[in-house]
Amino acid sequence: MKKSIKMFLISLCLCPLLLLTACGTTSYYTITVSPSDSVLGSVLGTLSDSTQVEGTTVTLTAKENSAQTNPFICWIKNNNTVVSTDTALTLTYNSETAGRYTALFDETNPNSMMYAAFDTITFEPIADVTEINFTLSYSRTASGNDVYTTLARGSLSTENTYTSDHTSVLYLGSVGTISSYQYRFRLNITLVDSNGAETSYSLTSQAILNNSSFNSTRDYEITIYDSNSDSDIVLSFVKLSKELFSSADTQLL
């Protein structure tokens, strides 16, 4: 009996300690940072260890080597999303901010193109259609599968052209490499007529987008023929540049 009481008292003492230990579990997250090309610029303020305890704050600053020829454009997270156009980016380590951040500087050489943004999609007028809803997806051709990832969604009712905010980007490959990532696109379309009836179908482009698409231009178009409406659909992509976000610095994260 005395032994049972003793064990009970010990357990009472240990319970608060166990609860404190459970509640005090420390979470760590990883943020890695790099310039798009060290020849064009650098990043100041990075921590020596990219893995830090949750709640740690760091301010990153993109520094241009030449603001005139290779200005800073934006911060890109995980090679697919523009998160800020301000040179200074403050991050707090947590599950939402964990990832890879690239400070993108404008490339002088078109062959060094690394990122492209979805710009516009233009539909020709279609008789009796009052609304067009679409989902644009991409598949990386070298991946060996037919998995498509959503790039943009939109709806048009009075205009035939949808313009993106240029925050969804495609990574085309590292600077100086001969080969690049290649992308094919698929459109899921729903047409709504004046009576509210819907017609849905899917189109896949045979043309691809890659690094060489921008060898002599800052924008690139892919035309898809739509046999359902007997019309052309034009997808436009644009090389990222400072002018693309020149209206104002934007903190998107």
C-alpha atoms as a PDB file:
ATOM      1  CA  MET A   1       0.000   0.000   0.000  1.00  0.00           C
ATOM      2  CA  LYS A   2       2.811   2.389   0.937  1.00  0.00           C
ATOM      3  CA  LYS A   3       4.557   1.535  -2.338  1.00  0.00           C
ATOM      4  CA  SER A   4       1.416   2.362  -4.328  1.00  0.00           C
ATOM      5  CA  ILE A   5       1.061   5.720  -2.615  1.00  0.00           C
ATOM      6  CA  LYS A   6       4.707   6.495  -3.277  1.00  0.00           C
ATOM      7  CA  MET A   7       4.358   5.676  -6.979  1.00  0.00           C
ATOM      8  CA  PHE A   8       1.217   7.812  -7.159  1.00  0.00           C
ATOM      9  CA  LEU A   9       3.032  10.790  -5.621  1.00  0.00           C
ATOM     10  CA  ILE A  10       5.948  10.376  -8.036  1.00  0.00           C
ATOM     11  CA  SER A  11       3.580  10.326 -11.011  1.00  0.00           C
ATOM     12  CA  LEU A  12       1.938  13.525  -9.782  1.00  0.00           C
ATOM     13  CA  CYS A  13       5.333  15.201  -9.720  1.00  0.00           C
ATOM     14  CA  LEU A  14       6.309  13.936 -13.173  1.00  0.00           C
ATOM     15  CA  CYS A  15       3.079  14.862 -14.995  1.00  0.00           C
ATOM     16  CA  PRO A  16       3.697  18.637 -15.034  1.00  0.00           C
ATOM     17  CA  LEU A  17       7.230  18.038 -16.306  1.00  0.00           C
ATOM     18  CA  LEU A  18       5.970  15.788 -19.088  1.00  0.00           C
ATOM     19  CA  LEU A  19       3.334  18.347 -20.051  1.00  0.00           C
ATOM     20  CA  LEU A  20       5.896  21.131 -20.131  1.00  0.00           C
ATOM     21  CA  THR A  21       8.177  19.028 -22.304  1.00  0.00           C
ATOM     22  CA  ALA A  22       5.348  18.242 -24.736  1.00  0.00           C
ATOM     23  CA  CYS A  23       4.196  21.862 -24.902  1.00  0.00           C
ATOM     24  CA  GLY A  24       7.723  23.112 -25.359  1.00  0.00           C
ATOM     25  CA  THR A  25       8.475  21.073 -28.505  1.00  0.00           C
ATOM     26  CA  THR A  26      10.702  23.153 -30.776  1.00  0.00           C
ATOM     27  CA  SER A  27      10.040  23.283 -34.517  1.00  0.00           C
ATOM     28  CA  TYR A  28      12.762  24.048 -37.056  1.00  0.00           C
ATOM     29  CA  TYR A  29      12.330  25.258 -40.631  1.00  0.00           C
ATOM     30  CA  THR A  30      14.682  25.744 -43.556  1.00  0.00           C
ATOM     31  CA  ILE A  31      14.975  28.822 -45.776  1.00  0.00           C
ATOM     32  CA  THR A  32      17.644  28.806 -48.488  1.00  0.00           C
ATOM     33  CA  VAL A  33      18.573  31.935 -50.429  1.00  0.00           C
ATOM     34  CA  SER A  34      20.643  32.671 -53.531  1.00  0.00           C
ATOM     35  CA  PRO A  35      20.997  35.246 -56.325  1.00  0.00           C
ATOM     36  CA  SER A  36      19.881  34.148 -59.779  1.00  0.00           C
ATOM     37  CA  ASP A  37      23.451  34.749 -60.954  1.00  0.00           C
ATOM     38  CA  SER A  38      26.329  35.759 -58.680  1.00  0.00           C
ATOM     39  CA  VAL A  39      27.823  37.743 -61.565  1.00  0.00           C
ATOM     40  CA  LEU A  40      24.756  40.008 -61.584  1.00  0.00           C
ATOM     41  CA  GLY A  41      24.148  40.462 -57.866  1.00  0.00           C
ATOM     42  CA  SER A  42      24.218  39.082 -54.349  1.00  0.00           C
ATOM     43  CA  VAL A  43      22.059  38.677 -51.251  1.00  0.00           C
ATOM     44  CA  LEU A  44      22.888  40.362 -47.935  1.00  0.00           C
ATOM     45  CA  GLY A  45      21.570  39.333 -44.525  1.00  0.00           C
ATOM     46  CA  THR A  46      21.478  35.569 -44.905  1.00  0.00           C
ATOM     47  CA  LEU A  47      21.942  33.502 -41.757  1.00  0.00           C
ATOM     48  CA  SER A  48      24.942  31.197 -41.568  1.00  0.00           C
ATOM     49  CA  ASP A  49      22.643  28.212 -40.992  1.00  0.00           C
ATOM     50  CA  SER A  50      19.552  28.025 -43.238  1.00  0.00           C
ATOM     51  CA  THR A  51      17.671  25.917 -40.657  1.00  0.00           C
ATOM     52  CA  GLN A  52      16.354  27.949 -37.716  1.00  0.00           C
ATOM     53  CA  VAL A  53      13.880  27.638 -34.880  1.00  0.00           C
ATOM     54  CA  GLU A  54      10.325  28.718 -35.628  1.00  0.00           C
ATOM     55  CA  GLY A  55       9.850  32.453 -35.048  1.00  0.00           C
ATOM     56  CA  THR A  56      13.382  33.466 -36.022  1.00  0.00           C
ATOM     57  CA  THR A  57      13.290  36.544 -38.264  1.00  0.00           C
ATOM     58  CA  VAL A  58      15.699  37.438 -41.050  1.00  0.00           C
ATOM     59  CA  THR A  59      15.791  40.379 -43.465  1.00  0.00           C
ATOM     60  CA  LEU A  60      17.273  39.637 -46.868  1.00  0.00           C
ATOM     61  CA  THR A  61      18.462  42.392 -49.186  1.00  0.00           C
ATOM     62  CA  ALA A  62      19.141  41.963 -52.890  1.00  0.00           C
ATOM     63  CA  LYS A  63      22.221  43.919 -53.988  1.00  0.00           C
ATOM     64  CA  GLU A  64      22.740  44.700 -57.673  1.00  0.00           C
ATOM     65  CA  ASN A  65      26.231  44.692 -59.160  1.00  0.00           C
ATOM     66  CA  SER A  66      24.958  47.040 -61.860  1.00  0.00           C
ATOM     67  CA  ALA A  67      21.595  48.728 -61.397  1.00  0.00           C
ATOM     68  CA  GLN A  68      21.760  50.142 -64.922  1.00  0.00           C
ATOM     69  CA  THR A  69      22.373  46.958 -66.919  1.00  0.00           C
ATOM     70  CA  ASN A  70      21.198  44.208 -64.548  1.00  0.00           C
ATOM     71  CA  PRO A  71      18.653  45.635 -62.096  1.00  0.00           C
ATOM     72  CA  PHE A  72      16.947  43.582 -59.395  1.00  0.00           C
ATOM     73  CA  ILE A  73      13.536  42.351 -60.537  1.00  0.00           C
ATOM     74  CA  CYS A  74      11.885  40.331 -57.777  1.00  0.00           C
ATOM     75  CA  TRP A  75      12.086  37.543 -55.212  1.00  0.00           C
ATOM     76  CA  ILE A  76      10.904  34.129 -56.407  1.00  0.00           C
ATOM     77  CA  LYS A  77       9.932  31.324 -54.028  1.00  0.00           C
ATOM     78  CA  ASN A  78      10.477  27.688 -54.967  1.00  0.00           C
ATOM     79  CA  ASN A  79      11.083  28.641 -58.604  1.00  0.00           C
ATOM     80  CA  ASN A  80       7.379  29.172 -59.278  1.00  0.00           C
ATOM     81  CA  THR A  81       5.953  32.202 -57.445  1.00  0.00           C
ATOM     82  CA  VAL A  82       6.908  35.895 -57.282  1.00  0.00           C
ATOM     83  CA  VAL A  83       6.586  36.910 -53.623  1.00  0.00           C
ATOM     84  CA  SER A  84       8.001  40.449 -53.578  1.00  0.00           C
ATOM     85  CA  THR A  85       9.403  43.168 -55.832  1.00  0.00           C
ATOM     86  CA  ASP A  86      11.030  45.059 -52.953  1.00  0.00           C
ATOM     87  CA  THR A  87      14.797  44.635 -52.623  1.00  0.00           C
ATOM     88  CA  ALA A  88      14.391  43.960 -48.878  1.00  0.00           C
ATOM     89  CA  LEU A  89      12.489  40.833 -47.886  1.00  0.00           C
ATOM     90  CA  THR A  90      11.745  40.066 -44.216  1.00  0.00           C
ATOM     91  CA  LEU A  91      10.889  36.462 -43.383  1.00  0.00           C
ATOM     92  CA  THR A  92       9.885  34.726 -40.169  1.00  0.00           C
ATOM     93  CA  TYR A  93      10.770  31.037 -40.103  1.00  0.00           C
ATOM     94  CA  ASN A  94       7.607  28.922 -40.092  1.00  0.00           C
ATOM     95  CA  SER A  95       5.783  26.326 -42.190  1.00  0.00           C
ATOM     96  CA  GLU A  96       4.466  28.913 -44.641  1.00  0.00           C
ATOM     97  CA  THR A  97       7.759  30.696 -45.355  1.00  0.00           C
ATOM     98  CA  ALA A  98      10.008  27.622 -45.471  1.00  0.00           C
ATOM     99  CA  GLY A  99      11.467  27.081 -48.926  1.00  0.00           C
ATOM    100  CA  ARG A 100      13.941  28.358 -51.482  1.00  0.00           C
ATOM    101  CA  TYR A 101      14.169  32.061 -52.381  1.00  0.00           C
ATOM    102  CA  THR A 102      15.914  33.460 -55.435  1.00  0.00           C
ATOM    103  CA  ALA A 103      16.797  37.125 -55.917  1.00  0.00           C
ATOM    104  CA  LEU A 104      16.261  37.585 -59.643  1.00  0.00           C
ATOM    105  CA  PHE A 105      18.401  40.060 -61.566  1.00  0.00           C
ATOM    106  CA  ASP A 106      17.764  41.041 -65.178  1.00  0.00           C
ATOM    107  CA  GLU A 107      19.957  39.084 -67.593  1.00  0.00           C
ATOM    108  CA  THR A 108      21.813  40.917 -70.354  1.00  0.00           C
ATOM    109  CA  ASN A 109      22.098  37.850 -72.550  1.00  0.00           C
ATOM    110  CA  PRO A 110      18.747  36.429 -73.765  1.00  0.00           C
ATOM    111  CA  ASN A 111      20.276  32.943 -73.724  1.00  0.00           C
ATOM    112  CA  SER A 112      20.537  33.271 -69.946  1.00  0.00           C
ATOM    113  CA  MET A 113      16.761  33.538 -69.567  1.00  0.00           C
ATOM    114  CA  MET A 114      15.736  31.699 -66.375  1.00  0.00           C
ATOM    115  CA  TYR A 115      12.074  32.532 -65.749  1.00  0.00           C
ATOM    116  CA  ALA A 116       8.988  33.326 -67.801  1.00  0.00           C
ATOM    117  CA  ALA A 117       5.626  34.559 -66.559  1.00  0.00           C
ATOM    118  CA  PHE A 118       2.222  33.788 -67.988  1.00  0.00           C
ATOM    119  CA  ASP A 119       1.064  37.092 -69.473  1.00  0.00           C
ATOM    120  CA  THR A 120      -2.234  36.909 -71.377  1.00  0.00           C
ATOM    121  CA  ILE A 121      -4.702  34.553 -72.987  1.00  0.00           C
ATOM    122  CA  THR A 122      -6.781  35.821 -75.895  1.00  0.00           C
ATOM    123  CA  PHE A 123      -9.925  34.197 -77.303  1.00  0.00           C
ATOM    124  CA  GLU A 124     -11.537  35.118 -80.587  1.00  0.00           C
ATOM    125  CA  PRO A 125     -15.205  36.151 -80.292  1.00  0.00           C
ATOM    126  CA  ILE A 126     -17.473  33.095 -80.336  1.00  0.00           C
ATOM    127  CA  ALA A 127     -21.072  33.399 -81.495  1.00  0.00           C
ATOM    128  CA  ASP A 128     -23.699  33.282 -78.718  1.00  0.00           C
ATOM    129  CA  VAL A 129     -21.045  32.730 -76.015  1.00  0.00           C
ATOM    130  CA  THR A 130     -21.412  35.178 -73.119  1.00  0.00           C
ATOM    131  CA  GLU A 131     -18.819  33.757 -70.731  1.00  0.00           C
ATOM    132  CA  ILE A 132     -15.566  31.813 -71.036  1.00  0.00           C
ATOM    133  CA  ASN A 133     -14.015  30.065 -68.038  1.00  0.00           C
ATOM    134  CA  PHE A 134     -10.583  28.500 -68.356  1.00  0.00           C
ATOM    135  CA  THR A 135      -7.851  26.703 -66.438  1.00  0.00           C
ATOM    136  CA  LEU A 136      -4.343  26.808 -67.901  1.00  0.00           C
ATOM    137  CA  SER A 137      -2.015  23.987 -66.817  1.00  0.00           C
ATOM    138  CA  TYR A 138       1.517  22.952 -67.732  1.00  0.00           C
ATOM    139  CA  SER A 139       3.489  19.744 -67.954  1.00  0.00           C
ATOM    140  CA  ARG A 140       7.279  19.530 -68.009  1.00  0.00           C
ATOM    141  CA  THR A 141       8.036  17.385 -71.030  1.00  0.00           C
ATOM    142  CA  ALA A 142      11.306  15.936 -69.687  1.00  0.00           C
ATOM    143  CA  SER A 143       9.613  14.565 -66.578  1.00  0.00           C
ATOM    144  CA  GLY A 144       8.401  11.510 -68.487  1.00  0.00           C
ATOM    145  CA  ASN A 145       4.817  11.745 -67.313  1.00  0.00           C
ATOM    146  CA  ASP A 146       1.586  13.465 -68.265  1.00  0.00           C
ATOM    147  CA  VAL A 147       0.948  15.243 -64.957  1.00  0.00           C
ATOM    148  CA  TYR A 148      -0.288  18.815 -65.388  1.00  0.00           C
ATOM    149  CA  THR A 149       0.031  21.572 -62.784  1.00  0.00           C
ATOM    150  CA  THR A 150      -2.322  24.560 -62.706  1.00  0.00           C
ATOM    151  CA  LEU A 151      -0.707  27.814 -63.814  1.00  0.00           C
ATOM    152  CA  ALA A 152      -3.711  30.157 -63.999  1.00  0.00           C
ATOM    153  CA  ARG A 153      -7.501  30.286 -63.842  1.00  0.00           C
ATOM    154  CA  GLY A 154      -9.771  32.976 -65.181  1.00  0.00           C
ATOM    155  CA  SER A 155     -13.167  34.031 -66.430  1.00  0.00           C
ATOM    156  CA  LEU A 156     -14.068  36.402 -69.256  1.00  0.00           C
ATOM    157  CA  SER A 157     -17.501  37.822 -69.933  1.00  0.00           C
ATOM    158  CA  THR A 158     -17.118  41.168 -71.714  1.00  0.00           C
ATOM    159  CA  GLU A 159     -13.494  41.060 -72.891  1.00  0.00           C
ATOM    160  CA  ASN A 160     -11.680  38.461 -74.987  1.00  0.00           C
ATOM    161  CA  THR A 161      -8.283  38.884 -73.289  1.00  0.00           C
ATOM    162  CA  TYR A 162      -7.336  37.879 -69.759  1.00  0.00           C
ATOM    163  CA  THR A 163      -4.195  39.486 -68.286  1.00  0.00           C
ATOM    164  CA  SER A 164      -2.347  37.857 -65.394  1.00  0.00           C
ATOM    165  CA  ASP A 165      -0.614  39.539 -62.453  1.00  0.00           C
ATOM    166  CA  HIS A 166       2.668  37.856 -63.537  1.00  0.00           C
ATOM    167  CA  THR A 167       3.223  36.178 -60.171  1.00  0.00           C
ATOM    168  CA  SER A 168       2.987  32.620 -61.535  1.00  0.00           C
ATOM    169  CA  VAL A 169       6.272  31.787 -63.248  1.00  0.00           C
ATOM    170  CA  LEU A 170       7.960  28.900 -65.020  1.00  0.00           C
ATOM    171  CA  TYR A 171      11.579  28.028 -64.327  1.00  0.00           C
ATOM    172  CA  LEU A 172      13.460  27.468 -67.589  1.00  0.00           C
ATOM    173  CA  GLY A 173      16.857  26.383 -66.256  1.00  0.00           C
ATOM    174  CA  SER A 174      20.075  27.653 -64.732  1.00  0.00           C
ATOM    175  CA  VAL A 175      22.182  30.421 -66.244  1.00  0.00           C
ATOM    176  CA  GLY A 176      24.770  29.207 -68.737  1.00  0.00           C
ATOM    177  CA  THR A 177      23.270  25.766 -69.349  1.00  0.00           C
ATOM    178  CA  ILE A 178      22.633  24.605 -72.899  1.00  0.00           C
ATOM    179  CA  SER A 179      19.559  22.554 -72.084  1.00  0.00           C
ATOM    180  CA  SER A 180      16.482  23.942 -70.379  1.00  0.00           C
ATOM    181  CA  TYR A 181      13.179  22.812 -68.971  1.00  0.00           C
ATOM    182  CA  GLN A 182      10.485  22.452 -71.616  1.00  0.00           C
ATOM    183  CA  TYR A 183       6.793  22.979 -70.996  1.00  0.00           C
ATOM    184  CA  ARG A 184       3.631  21.918 -72.804  1.00  0.00           C
ATOM    185  CA  PHE A 185       0.261  23.474 -71.983  1.00  0.00           C
ATOM    186  CA  ARG A 186      -3.315  22.303 -71.575  1.00  0.00           C
ATOM    187  CA  LEU A 187      -6.485  24.387 -71.513  1.00  0.00           C
ATOM    188  CA  ASN A 188      -9.674  23.275 -69.820  1.00  0.00           C
ATOM    189  CA  ILE A 189     -12.440  25.481 -71.202  1.00  0.00           C
ATOM    190  CA  THR A 190     -16.082  26.000 -70.313  1.00  0.00           C
ATOM    191  CA  LEU A 191     -18.237  28.079 -72.660  1.00  0.00           C
ATOM    192  CA  VAL A 192     -21.504  29.541 -71.383  1.00  0.00           C
ATOM    193  CA  ASP A 193     -24.108  30.630 -73.936  1.00  0.00           C
ATOM    194  CA  SER A 194     -26.863  33.225 -73.625  1.00  0.00           C
ATOM    195  CA  ASN A 195     -29.262  30.578 -72.256  1.00  0.00           C
ATOM    196  CA  GLY A 196     -26.825  29.527 -69.522  1.00  0.00           C
ATOM    197  CA  ALA A 197     -25.955  26.214 -71.176  1.00  0.00           C
ATOM    198  CA  GLU A 198     -22.363  25.067 -70.638  1.00  0.00           C
ATOM    199  CA  THR A 199     -19.970  23.289 -72.970  1.00  0.00           C
ATOM    200  CA  SER A 200     -16.716  21.972 -71.486  1.00  0.00           C
ATOM    201  CA  TYR A 201     -13.678  20.500 -73.219  1.00  0.00           C
ATOM    202  CA  SER A 202      -9.896  20.304 -73.082  1.00  0.00           C
ATOM    203  CA  LEU A 203      -7.161  21.372 -75.530  1.00  0.00           C
ATOM    204  CA  THR A 204      -3.450  20.505 -75.457  1.00  0.00           C
ATOM    205  CA  SER A 205      -0.793  22.547 -77.228  1.00  0.00           C
ATOM    206  CA  GLN A 206       1.782  20.751 -79.341  1.00  0.00           C
ATOM    207  CA  ALA A 207       4.155  23.730 -79.134  1.00  0.00           C
ATOM    208  CA  ILE A 208       6.535  23.991 -76.192  1.00  0.00           C
ATOM    209  CA  LEU A 209       8.046  26.811 -74.179  1.00  0.00           C
ATOM    210  CA  ASN A 210      11.722  26.707 -73.237  1.00  0.00           C
ATOM    211  CA  ASN A 211      14.822  28.859 -72.809  1.00  0.00           C
ATOM    212  CA  SER A 212      15.398  29.349 -76.533  1.00  0.00           C
ATOM    213  CA  SER A 213      11.885  30.767 -76.955  1.00  0.00           C
ATOM    214  CA  PHE A 214      13.277  34.089 -75.698  1.00  0.00           C
ATOM    215  CA  ASN A 215      16.529  34.193 -77.672  1.00  0.00           C
ATOM    216  CA  SER A 216      15.517  37.302 -79.619  1.00  0.00           C
ATOM    217  CA  THR A 217      12.460  38.613 -77.825  1.00  0.00           C
ATOM    218  CA  ARG A 218      11.053  39.312 -74.367  1.00  0.00           C
ATOM    219  CA  ASP A 219       7.677  37.758 -75.136  1.00  0.00           C
ATOM    220  CA  TYR A 220       6.563  34.566 -76.796  1.00  0.00           C
ATOM    221  CA  GLU A 221       3.210  33.391 -78.129  1.00  0.00           C
ATOM    222  CA  ILE A 222       1.691  29.946 -78.535  1.00  0.00           C
ATOM    223  CA  THR A 223      -1.414  29.585 -80.700  1.00  0.00           C
ATOM    224  CA  ILE A 224      -3.848  26.737 -80.114  1.00  0.00           C
ATOM    225  CA  TYR A 225      -6.535  26.020 -82.694  1.00  0.00           C
ATOM    226  CA  ASP A 226      -9.914  25.333 -81.091  1.00  0.00           C
ATOM    227  CA  SER A 227     -11.903  23.097 -83.421  1.00  0.00           C
ATOM    228  CA  ASN A 228     -14.929  23.286 -81.118  1.00  0.00           C
ATOM    229  CA  SER A 229     -15.374  26.991 -81.836  1.00  0.00           C
ATOM    230  CA  ASP A 230     -13.343  27.105 -85.072  1.00  0.00           C
ATOM    231  CA  SER A 231     -11.122  29.837 -83.632  1.00  0.00           C
ATOM    232  CA  ASP A 232      -7.588  30.476 -82.387  1.00  0.00           C
ATOM    233  CA  ILE A 233      -6.564  30.888 -78.750  1.00  0.00           C
ATOM    234  CA  VAL A 234      -3.314  32.752 -78.140  1.00  0.00           C
ATOM    235  CA  LEU A 235      -1.217  32.149 -75.007  1.00  0.00           C
ATOM    236  CA  SER A 236       1.372  34.842 -74.310  1.00  0.00           C
ATOM    237  CA  PHE A 237       4.396  34.497 -72.035  1.00  0.00           C
ATOM    238  CA  VAL A 238       6.844  37.214 -71.084  1.00  0.00           C
ATOM    239  CA  LYS A 239      10.400  37.334 -69.804  1.00  0.00           C
ATOM    240  CA  LEU A 240      10.522  38.757 -66.285  1.00  0.00           C
ATOM    241  CA  SER A 241      11.826  42.310 -66.167  1.00  0.00           C
ATOM    242  CA  LYS A 242      11.800  45.290 -63.826  1.00  0.00           C
ATOM    243  CA  GLU A 243       9.382  47.089 -66.165  1.00  0.00           C
ATOM    244  CA  LEU A 244       6.852  44.303 -65.697  1.00  0.00           C
ATOM    245  CA  PHE A 245       6.451  45.322 -62.047  1.00  0.00           C
ATOM    246  CA  SER A 246       7.406  48.994 -62.391  1.00  0.00           C
ATOM    247  CA  SER A 247       4.078  50.428 -61.175  1.00  0.00           C
ATOM    248  CA  ALA A 248       5.054  49.970 -57.500  1.00  0.00           C
ATOM    249  CA  ASP A 249       7.081  47.797 -55.170  1.00  0.00           C
ATOM    250  CA  THR A 250       4.860  44.968 -54.048  1.00  0.00           C
ATOM    251  CA  GLN A 251       5.129  42.735 -50.994  1.00  0.00           C
ATOM    252  CA  LEU A 252       3.149  39.649 -51.957  1.00  0.00           C
ATOM    253  CA  LEU A 253       4.199  37.133 -49.323  1.00  0.00           C
END
